[in-house]
Full PDB file with SEQRES, HELIX, SHEET, SSBOND, CRYST1, ORIGX, SCALE, CONECT and MASTER records, all heavy atoms in Angstrom:
SEQRES   1 A   33  ILE GLU HIS LEU LEU ARG GLY GLY SER VAL ALA ALA TRP          
SEQRES   2 A   33  ILE ILE CYS ILE ALA CYS LEU LEU PRO ALA VAL LEU ARG          
SEQRES   3 A   33  LEU VAL ARG PHE ARG GLY ARG                                  
HELIX    1 AA1 GLU A    2  VAL A   28  1                                  27    
CRYST1    1.000    1.000    1.000  90.00  90.00  90.00 P 1           1          
ORIGX1      1.000000  0.000000  0.000000        0.00000                         
ORIGX2      0.000000  1.000000  0.000000        0.00000                         
ORIGX3      0.000000  0.000000  1.000000        0.00000                         
SCALE1      1.000000  0.000000  0.000000        0.00000                         
SCALE2      0.000000  1.000000  0.000000        0.00000                         
SCALE3      0.000000  0.000000  1.000000        0.00000                         
ATOM      1  N   ILE A   1     144.040 225.525  91.256  1.00  0.00           N  
ATOM      2  CA  ILE A   1     142.504 225.340  91.175  1.00  0.00           C  
ATOM      3  C   ILE A   1     141.922 226.106  92.480  1.00  0.00           C  
ATOM      4  O   ILE A   1     140.775 226.624  92.292  1.00  0.00           O  
ATOM      5  CB  ILE A   1     142.156 223.816  91.350  1.00  0.00           C  
ATOM      6  CG1 ILE A   1     140.657 223.581  91.038  1.00  0.00           C  
ATOM      7  CG2 ILE A   1     142.605 223.195  92.594  1.00  0.00           C  
ATOM      8  CD1 ILE A   1     140.299 223.764  89.708  1.00  0.00           C  
ATOM      9  N   GLU A   2     142.666 226.189  93.541  1.00  0.00           N  
ATOM     10  CA  GLU A   2     142.116 227.013  94.728  1.00  0.00           C  
ATOM     11  C   GLU A   2     141.947 228.492  94.192  1.00  0.00           C  
ATOM     12  O   GLU A   2     140.954 229.077  94.622  1.00  0.00           O  
ATOM     13  CB  GLU A   2     143.120 226.921  95.806  1.00  0.00           C  
ATOM     14  CG  GLU A   2     142.559 227.708  97.021  1.00  0.00           C  
ATOM     15  CD  GLU A   2     143.587 227.694  98.155  1.00  0.00           C  
ATOM     16  OE1 GLU A   2     144.631 226.978  98.117  1.00  0.00           O  
ATOM     17  OE2 GLU A   2     143.336 228.527  99.170  1.00  0.00           O  
ATOM     18  N   HIS A   3     142.901 229.002  93.558  1.00  0.00           N  
ATOM     19  CA  HIS A   3     142.764 230.370  93.027  1.00  0.00           C  
ATOM     20  C   HIS A   3     141.652 230.584  92.139  1.00  0.00           C  
ATOM     21  O   HIS A   3     140.933 231.595  92.240  1.00  0.00           O  
ATOM     22  CB  HIS A   3     143.997 230.940  92.460  1.00  0.00           C  
ATOM     23  CG  HIS A   3     145.148 231.195  93.477  1.00  0.00           C  
ATOM     24  ND1 HIS A   3     145.995 230.127  93.759  1.00  0.00           N  
ATOM     25  CD2 HIS A   3     145.421 232.279  94.204  1.00  0.00           C  
ATOM     26  CE1 HIS A   3     146.938 230.621  94.700  1.00  0.00           C  
ATOM     27  NE2 HIS A   3     146.519 231.874  94.903  1.00  0.00           N  
ATOM     28  N   LEU A   4     141.422 229.631  91.256  1.00  0.00           N  
ATOM     29  CA  LEU A   4     140.286 229.722  90.271  1.00  0.00           C  
ATOM     30  C   LEU A   4     139.002 229.572  90.924  1.00  0.00           C  
ATOM     31  O   LEU A   4     137.961 230.350  90.725  1.00  0.00           O  
ATOM     32  CB  LEU A   4     140.399 228.526  89.232  1.00  0.00           C  
ATOM     33  CG  LEU A   4     141.570 228.737  88.294  1.00  0.00           C  
ATOM     34  CD1 LEU A   4     141.630 227.458  87.368  1.00  0.00           C  
ATOM     35  CD2 LEU A   4     141.292 229.915  87.377  1.00  0.00           C  
ATOM     36  N   LEU A   5     138.814 228.716  92.000  1.00  0.00           N  
ATOM     37  CA  LEU A   5     137.594 228.532  92.695  1.00  0.00           C  
ATOM     38  C   LEU A   5     137.254 229.670  93.643  1.00  0.00           C  
ATOM     39  O   LEU A   5     136.210 230.143  93.636  1.00  0.00           O  
ATOM     40  CB  LEU A   5     137.661 227.239  93.557  1.00  0.00           C  
ATOM     41  CG  LEU A   5     137.677 225.936  92.856  1.00  0.00           C  
ATOM     42  CD1 LEU A   5     137.878 224.772  93.829  1.00  0.00           C  
ATOM     43  CD2 LEU A   5     136.292 225.785  92.102  1.00  0.00           C  
ATOM     44  N   ARG A   6     138.378 230.290  94.242  1.00  0.00           N  
ATOM     45  CA  ARG A   6     138.243 231.511  95.042  1.00  0.00           C  
ATOM     46  C   ARG A   6     137.697 232.650  94.108  1.00  0.00           C  
ATOM     47  O   ARG A   6     136.829 233.344  94.552  1.00  0.00           O  
ATOM     48  CB  ARG A   6     139.466 231.822  95.850  1.00  0.00           C  
ATOM     49  CG  ARG A   6     139.276 233.065  96.695  1.00  0.00           C  
ATOM     50  CD  ARG A   6     140.552 233.404  97.403  1.00  0.00           C  
ATOM     51  NE  ARG A   6     141.099 232.309  98.244  1.00  0.00           N  
ATOM     52  CZ  ARG A   6     140.739 231.955  99.380  1.00  0.00           C  
ATOM     53  NH1 ARG A   6     139.889 232.738  99.950  1.00  0.00           N  
ATOM     54  NH2 ARG A   6     141.242 230.891 100.044  1.00  0.00           N  
ATOM     55  N   GLY A   7     138.306 232.880  92.977  1.00  0.00           N  
ATOM     56  CA  GLY A   7     137.834 233.888  92.019  1.00  0.00           C  
ATOM     57  C   GLY A   7     136.448 233.729  91.642  1.00  0.00           C  
ATOM     58  O   GLY A   7     135.534 234.604  91.498  1.00  0.00           O  
ATOM     59  N   GLY A   8     136.013 232.442  91.235  1.00  0.00           N  
ATOM     60  CA  GLY A   8     134.726 232.118  90.833  1.00  0.00           C  
ATOM     61  C   GLY A   8     133.698 232.356  92.035  1.00  0.00           C  
ATOM     62  O   GLY A   8     132.673 232.851  91.811  1.00  0.00           O  
ATOM     63  N   SER A   9     134.054 232.044  93.200  1.00  0.00           N  
ATOM     64  CA  SER A   9     133.292 232.226  94.388  1.00  0.00           C  
ATOM     65  C   SER A   9     133.114 233.763  94.643  1.00  0.00           C  
ATOM     66  O   SER A   9     131.882 234.154  94.971  1.00  0.00           O  
ATOM     67  CB  SER A   9     133.900 231.490  95.647  1.00  0.00           C  
ATOM     68  OG  SER A   9     133.100 231.637  96.747  1.00  0.00           O  
ATOM     69  N   VAL A  10     134.056 234.372  94.541  1.00  0.00           N  
ATOM     70  CA  VAL A  10     134.021 235.892  94.807  1.00  0.00           C  
ATOM     71  C   VAL A  10     133.019 236.513  93.822  1.00  0.00           C  
ATOM     72  O   VAL A  10     132.195 237.387  94.189  1.00  0.00           O  
ATOM     73  CB  VAL A  10     135.353 236.544  94.790  1.00  0.00           C  
ATOM     74  CG1 VAL A  10     135.260 238.098  94.734  1.00  0.00           C  
ATOM     75  CG2 VAL A  10     136.229 236.192  95.999  1.00  0.00           C  
ATOM     76  N   ALA A  11     133.199 236.113  92.595  1.00  0.00           N  
ATOM     77  CA  ALA A  11     132.407 236.639  91.400  1.00  0.00           C  
ATOM     78  C   ALA A  11     130.846 236.314  91.699  1.00  0.00           C  
ATOM     79  O   ALA A  11     129.922 237.074  91.619  1.00  0.00           O  
ATOM     80  CB  ALA A  11     132.764 236.141  90.101  1.00  0.00           C  
ATOM     81  N   ALA A  12     130.642 234.969  92.155  1.00  0.00           N  
ATOM     82  CA  ALA A  12     129.267 234.601  92.451  1.00  0.00           C  
ATOM     83  C   ALA A  12     128.660 235.322  93.647  1.00  0.00           C  
ATOM     84  O   ALA A  12     127.561 235.785  93.612  1.00  0.00           O  
ATOM     85  CB  ALA A  12     129.245 233.038  92.831  1.00  0.00           C  
ATOM     86  N   TRP A  13     129.346 235.599  94.685  1.00  0.00           N  
ATOM     87  CA  TRP A  13     128.925 236.440  95.731  1.00  0.00           C  
ATOM     88  C   TRP A  13     128.727 237.816  95.432  1.00  0.00           C  
ATOM     89  O   TRP A  13     127.612 238.544  95.851  1.00  0.00           O  
ATOM     90  CB  TRP A  13     129.875 236.330  97.012  1.00  0.00           C  
ATOM     91  CG  TRP A  13     129.724 235.096  97.751  1.00  0.00           C  
ATOM     92  CD1 TRP A  13     130.658 234.026  97.803  1.00  0.00           C  
ATOM     93  CD2 TRP A  13     128.562 234.577  98.523  1.00  0.00           C  
ATOM     94  NE1 TRP A  13     130.113 233.007  98.612  1.00  0.00           N  
ATOM     95  CE2 TRP A  13     128.880 233.341  99.007  1.00  0.00           C  
ATOM     96  CE3 TRP A  13     127.274 235.072  98.831  1.00  0.00           C  
ATOM     97  CZ2 TRP A  13     128.037 232.559  99.813  1.00  0.00           C  
ATOM     98  CZ3 TRP A  13     126.380 234.383  99.587  1.00  0.00           C  
ATOM     99  CH2 TRP A  13     126.802 233.121 100.045  1.00  0.00           C  
ATOM    100  N   ILE A  14     129.453 238.339  94.563  1.00  0.00           N  
ATOM    101  CA  ILE A  14     129.209 239.772  94.054  1.00  0.00           C  
ATOM    102  C   ILE A  14     127.958 239.855  93.156  1.00  0.00           C  
ATOM    103  O   ILE A  14     127.268 240.765  93.395  1.00  0.00           O  
ATOM    104  CB  ILE A  14     130.400 240.305  93.214  1.00  0.00           C  
ATOM    105  CG1 ILE A  14     131.590 240.513  94.175  1.00  0.00           C  
ATOM    106  CG2 ILE A  14     130.029 241.585  92.499  1.00  0.00           C  
ATOM    107  CD1 ILE A  14     132.893 240.918  93.476  1.00  0.00           C  
ATOM    108  N   ILE A  15     127.678 238.818  92.397  1.00  0.00           N  
ATOM    109  CA  ILE A  15     126.432 238.732  91.634  1.00  0.00           C  
ATOM    110  C   ILE A  15     125.284 238.608  92.695  1.00  0.00           C  
ATOM    111  O   ILE A  15     124.249 239.336  92.360  1.00  0.00           O  
ATOM    112  CB  ILE A  15     126.368 237.598  90.746  1.00  0.00           C  
ATOM    113  CG1 ILE A  15     127.377 237.804  89.594  1.00  0.00           C  
ATOM    114  CG2 ILE A  15     125.047 237.319  90.116  1.00  0.00           C  
ATOM    115  CD1 ILE A  15     127.673 236.639  88.643  1.00  0.00           C  
ATOM    116  N   CYS A  16     125.445 237.779  93.727  1.00  0.00           N  
ATOM    117  CA  CYS A  16     124.363 237.737  94.680  1.00  0.00           C  
ATOM    118  C   CYS A  16     124.095 238.984  95.374  1.00  0.00           C  
ATOM    119  O   CYS A  16     122.896 239.468  95.549  1.00  0.00           O  
ATOM    120  CB  CYS A  16     124.785 236.611  95.703  1.00  0.00           C  
ATOM    121  SG  CYS A  16     123.642 236.437  97.100  1.00  0.00           S  
ATOM    122  N   ILE A  17     125.118 239.752  95.805  1.00  0.00           N  
ATOM    123  CA  ILE A  17     124.892 240.997  96.314  1.00  0.00           C  
ATOM    124  C   ILE A  17     124.178 241.979  95.409  1.00  0.00           C  
ATOM    125  O   ILE A  17     123.254 242.699  95.853  1.00  0.00           O  
ATOM    126  CB  ILE A  17     126.231 241.609  96.823  1.00  0.00           C  
ATOM    127  CG1 ILE A  17     126.833 240.923  98.065  1.00  0.00           C  
ATOM    128  CG2 ILE A  17     126.213 243.124  97.116  1.00  0.00           C  
ATOM    129  CD1 ILE A  17     128.121 241.146  98.446  1.00  0.00           C  
ATOM    130  N   ALA A  18     124.620 241.930  94.134  1.00  0.00           N  
ATOM    131  CA  ALA A  18     123.929 242.917  93.187  1.00  0.00           C  
ATOM    132  C   ALA A  18     122.412 242.527  93.038  1.00  0.00           C  
ATOM    133  O   ALA A  18     121.566 243.482  92.890  1.00  0.00           O  
ATOM    134  CB  ALA A  18     124.638 242.799  91.813  1.00  0.00           C  
ATOM    135  N   CYS A  19     122.035 241.316  93.008  1.00  0.00           N  
ATOM    136  CA  CYS A  19     120.607 240.947  92.979  1.00  0.00           C  
ATOM    137  C   CYS A  19     119.873 241.245  94.139  1.00  0.00           C  
ATOM    138  O   CYS A  19     118.628 241.496  94.098  1.00  0.00           O  
ATOM    139  CB  CYS A  19     120.630 239.341  92.670  1.00  0.00           C  
ATOM    140  SG  CYS A  19     121.243 238.878  91.022  1.00  0.00           S  
ATOM    141  N   LEU A  20     120.552 241.299  95.389  1.00  0.00           N  
ATOM    142  CA  LEU A  20     119.890 241.669  96.663  1.00  0.00           C  
ATOM    143  C   LEU A  20     119.625 243.152  96.921  1.00  0.00           C  
ATOM    144  O   LEU A  20     118.983 243.568  97.829  1.00  0.00           O  
ATOM    145  CB  LEU A  20     120.624 240.889  97.804  1.00  0.00           C  
ATOM    146  CG  LEU A  20     120.452 239.335  97.778  1.00  0.00           C  
ATOM    147  CD1 LEU A  20     121.341 238.755  98.735  1.00  0.00           C  
ATOM    148  CD2 LEU A  20     119.036 239.001  98.061  1.00  0.00           C  
ATOM    149  N   LEU A  21     120.453 243.797  96.129  1.00  0.00           N  
ATOM    150  CA  LEU A  21     120.636 245.215  96.369  1.00  0.00           C  
ATOM    151  C   LEU A  21     119.306 246.028  96.359  1.00  0.00           C  
ATOM    152  O   LEU A  21     119.022 246.885  97.236  1.00  0.00           O  
ATOM    153  CB  LEU A  21     121.649 245.938  95.492  1.00  0.00           C  
ATOM    154  CG  LEU A  21     122.205 247.231  95.886  1.00  0.00           C  
ATOM    155  CD1 LEU A  21     122.772 247.173  97.371  1.00  0.00           C  
ATOM    156  CD2 LEU A  21     123.292 247.794  94.908  1.00  0.00           C  
ATOM    157  N   PRO A  22     118.465 245.718  95.436  1.00  0.00           N  
ATOM    158  CA  PRO A  22     117.189 246.442  95.395  1.00  0.00           C  
ATOM    159  C   PRO A  22     116.264 246.181  96.641  1.00  0.00           C  
ATOM    160  O   PRO A  22     115.688 247.103  97.167  1.00  0.00           O  
ATOM    161  CB  PRO A  22     116.385 245.778  94.193  1.00  0.00           C  
ATOM    162  CG  PRO A  22     117.487 245.328  93.301  1.00  0.00           C  
ATOM    163  CD  PRO A  22     118.532 244.885  94.215  1.00  0.00           C  
ATOM    164  N   ALA A  23     116.374 245.094  97.163  1.00  0.00           N  
ATOM    165  CA  ALA A  23     115.592 244.754  98.474  1.00  0.00           C  
ATOM    166  C   ALA A  23     116.198 245.624  99.654  1.00  0.00           C  
ATOM    167  O   ALA A  23     115.538 246.221 100.499  1.00  0.00           O  
ATOM    168  CB  ALA A  23     115.545 243.330  98.875  1.00  0.00           C  
ATOM    169  N   VAL A  24     117.497 245.626  99.728  1.00  0.00           N  
ATOM    170  CA  VAL A  24     118.187 246.407 100.723  1.00  0.00           C  
ATOM    171  C   VAL A  24     117.920 247.892 100.614  1.00  0.00           C  
ATOM    172  O   VAL A  24     117.689 248.602 101.635  1.00  0.00           O  
ATOM    173  CB  VAL A  24     119.714 246.183 100.664  1.00  0.00           C  
ATOM    174  CG1 VAL A  24     120.443 247.059 101.595  1.00  0.00           C  
ATOM    175  CG2 VAL A  24     120.016 244.715 100.984  1.00  0.00           C  
ATOM    176  N   LEU A  25     117.913 248.407  99.387  1.00  0.00           N  
ATOM    177  CA  LEU A  25     117.569 249.872  99.123  1.00  0.00           C  
ATOM    178  C   LEU A  25     116.241 250.158  99.577  1.00  0.00           C  
ATOM    179  O   LEU A  25     115.949 251.220 100.101  1.00  0.00           O  
ATOM    180  CB  LEU A  25     117.841 250.189  97.638  1.00  0.00           C  
ATOM    181  CG  LEU A  25     119.306 250.192  97.226  1.00  0.00           C  
ATOM    182  CD1 LEU A  25     119.512 250.467  95.799  1.00  0.00           C  
ATOM    183  CD2 LEU A  25     120.148 251.126  98.027  1.00  0.00           C  
ATOM    184  N   ARG A  26     115.264 249.210  99.271  1.00  0.00           N  
ATOM    185  CA  ARG A  26     113.822 249.490  99.786  1.00  0.00           C  
ATOM    186  C   ARG A  26     113.805 249.603 101.271  1.00  0.00           C  
ATOM    187  O   ARG A  26     113.162 250.335 101.888  1.00  0.00           O  
ATOM    188  CB  ARG A  26     112.978 248.318  99.325  1.00  0.00           C  
ATOM    189  CG  ARG A  26     112.487 248.524  97.752  1.00  0.00           C  
ATOM    190  CD  ARG A  26     111.392 247.651  97.512  1.00  0.00           C  
ATOM    191  NE  ARG A  26     111.749 246.182  97.690  1.00  0.00           N  
ATOM    192  CZ  ARG A  26     112.193 245.309  96.679  1.00  0.00           C  
ATOM    193  NH1 ARG A  26     112.419 245.862  95.502  1.00  0.00           N  
ATOM    194  NH2 ARG A  26     112.406 244.144  96.937  1.00  0.00           N  
ATOM    195  N   LEU A  27     114.602 248.679 101.977  1.00  0.00           N  
ATOM    196  CA  LEU A  27     114.575 248.694 103.393  1.00  0.00           C  
ATOM    197  C   LEU A  27     115.248 250.072 103.988  1.00  0.00           C  
ATOM    198  O   LEU A  27     114.724 250.703 104.908  1.00  0.00           O  
ATOM    199  CB  LEU A  27     115.475 247.585 103.938  1.00  0.00           C  
ATOM    200  CG  LEU A  27     114.790 246.248 103.862  1.00  0.00           C  
ATOM    201  CD1 LEU A  27     115.756 245.079 104.159  1.00  0.00           C  
ATOM    202  CD2 LEU A  27     113.591 246.141 104.744  1.00  0.00           C  
ATOM    203  N   VAL A  28     116.420 250.496 103.308  1.00  0.00           N  
ATOM    204  CA  VAL A  28     116.937 251.678 103.775  1.00  0.00           C  
ATOM    205  C   VAL A  28     115.997 252.863 103.576  1.00  0.00           C  
ATOM    206  O   VAL A  28     115.902 253.882 104.237  1.00  0.00           O  
ATOM    207  CB  VAL A  28     118.278 251.962 102.947  1.00  0.00           C  
ATOM    208  CG1 VAL A  28     118.798 253.310 103.193  1.00  0.00           C  
ATOM    209  CG2 VAL A  28     119.309 250.843 103.365  1.00  0.00           C  
ATOM    210  N   ARG A  29     115.161 252.905 102.515  1.00  0.00           N  
ATOM    211  CA  ARG A  29     114.194 254.006 102.281  1.00  0.00           C  
ATOM    212  C   ARG A  29     112.939 253.817 102.996  1.00  0.00           C  
ATOM    213  O   ARG A  29     111.930 254.471 102.896  1.00  0.00           O  
ATOM    214  CB  ARG A  29     113.915 254.093 100.797  1.00  0.00           C  
ATOM    215  CG  ARG A  29     115.066 254.625 100.033  1.00  0.00           C  
ATOM    216  CD  ARG A  29     114.731 254.855  98.438  1.00  0.00           C  
ATOM    217  NE  ARG A  29     113.891 253.808  97.977  1.00  0.00           N  
ATOM    218  CZ  ARG A  29     114.133 253.046  96.994  1.00  0.00           C  
ATOM    219  NH1 ARG A  29     115.304 253.173  96.372  1.00  0.00           N  
ATOM    220  NH2 ARG A  29     113.370 252.179  96.483  1.00  0.00           N  
ATOM    221  N   PHE A  30     112.826 252.823 104.003  1.00  0.00           N  
ATOM    222  CA  PHE A  30     111.654 252.433 104.770  1.00  0.00           C  
ATOM    223  C   PHE A  30     110.468 252.185 103.943  1.00  0.00           C  
ATOM    224  O   PHE A  30     109.364 252.520 104.208  1.00  0.00           O  
ATOM    225  CB  PHE A  30     111.305 253.570 105.752  1.00  0.00           C  
ATOM    226  CG  PHE A  30     112.432 253.810 106.763  1.00  0.00           C  
ATOM    227  CD1 PHE A  30     113.244 254.965 106.662  1.00  0.00           C  
ATOM    228  CD2 PHE A  30     112.682 252.914 107.732  1.00  0.00           C  
ATOM    229  CE1 PHE A  30     114.236 255.177 107.467  1.00  0.00           C  
ATOM    230  CE2 PHE A  30     113.704 253.151 108.720  1.00  0.00           C  
ATOM    231  CZ  PHE A  30     114.509 254.322 108.475  1.00  0.00           C  
ATOM    232  N   ARG A  31     110.674 251.415 102.734  1.00  0.00           N  
ATOM    233  CA  ARG A  31     109.606 251.035 101.825  1.00  0.00           C  
ATOM    234  C   ARG A  31     109.687 249.469 101.585  1.00  0.00           C  
ATOM    235  O   ARG A  31     109.360 249.027 100.556  1.00  0.00           O  
ATOM    236  CB  ARG A  31     109.689 251.817 100.538  1.00  0.00           C  
ATOM    237  CG  ARG A  31     109.509 253.266 100.699  1.00  0.00           C  
ATOM    238  CD  ARG A  31     109.614 253.986  99.417  1.00  0.00           C  
ATOM    239  NE  ARG A  31     109.003 255.354  99.506  1.00  0.00           N  
ATOM    240  CZ  ARG A  31     107.934 255.676  98.729  1.00  0.00           C  
ATOM    241  NH1 ARG A  31     107.638 254.874  97.652  1.00  0.00           N  
ATOM    242  NH2 ARG A  31     107.447 256.903  98.768  1.00  0.00           N  
ATOM    243  N   GLY A  32     110.135 248.899 102.662  1.00  0.00           N  
ATOM    244  CA  GLY A  32     110.369 247.465 102.407  1.00  0.00           C  
ATOM    245  C   GLY A  32     109.055 246.587 102.194  1.00  0.00           C  
ATOM    246  O   GLY A  32     108.059 246.963 102.827  1.00  0.00           O  
ATOM    247  N   ARG A  33     109.146 245.594 101.463  1.00  0.00           N  
ATOM    248  CA  ARG A  33     108.096 244.685 101.314  1.00  0.00           C  
ATOM    249  C   ARG A  33     108.206 243.637 102.391  1.00  0.00           C  
ATOM    250  O   ARG A  33     109.102 243.619 103.176  1.00  0.00           O  
ATOM    251  CB  ARG A  33     108.230 244.008  99.972  1.00  0.00           C  
ATOM    252  CG  ARG A  33     108.085 244.994  98.790  1.00  0.00           C  
ATOM    253  CD  ARG A  33     108.225 244.285  97.469  1.00  0.00           C  
ATOM    254  NE  ARG A  33     108.258 245.249  96.479  1.00  0.00           N  
ATOM    255  CZ  ARG A  33     108.659 245.060  95.188  1.00  0.00           C  
ATOM    256  NH1 ARG A  33     109.163 243.865  94.940  1.00  0.00           N  
ATOM    257  NH2 ARG A  33     108.656 245.962  94.228  1.00  0.00           N  
TER     258      ARG A  33                                                      
MASTER        0    0    0    1    0    0    0    6  257    1    0    3          
END                                                                             
C-alpha cells in the first residue's frame, strides 16, 4: 500500500506542477499577473 500511495502522490504532484506551469512561465517572461 505504501508503494501505491507513493505512486499516487507522485502523480498528483506532477499534475499540480503541470497546472502551475503557465503561471511560472509568465513569471519567467516577466509578464506575471
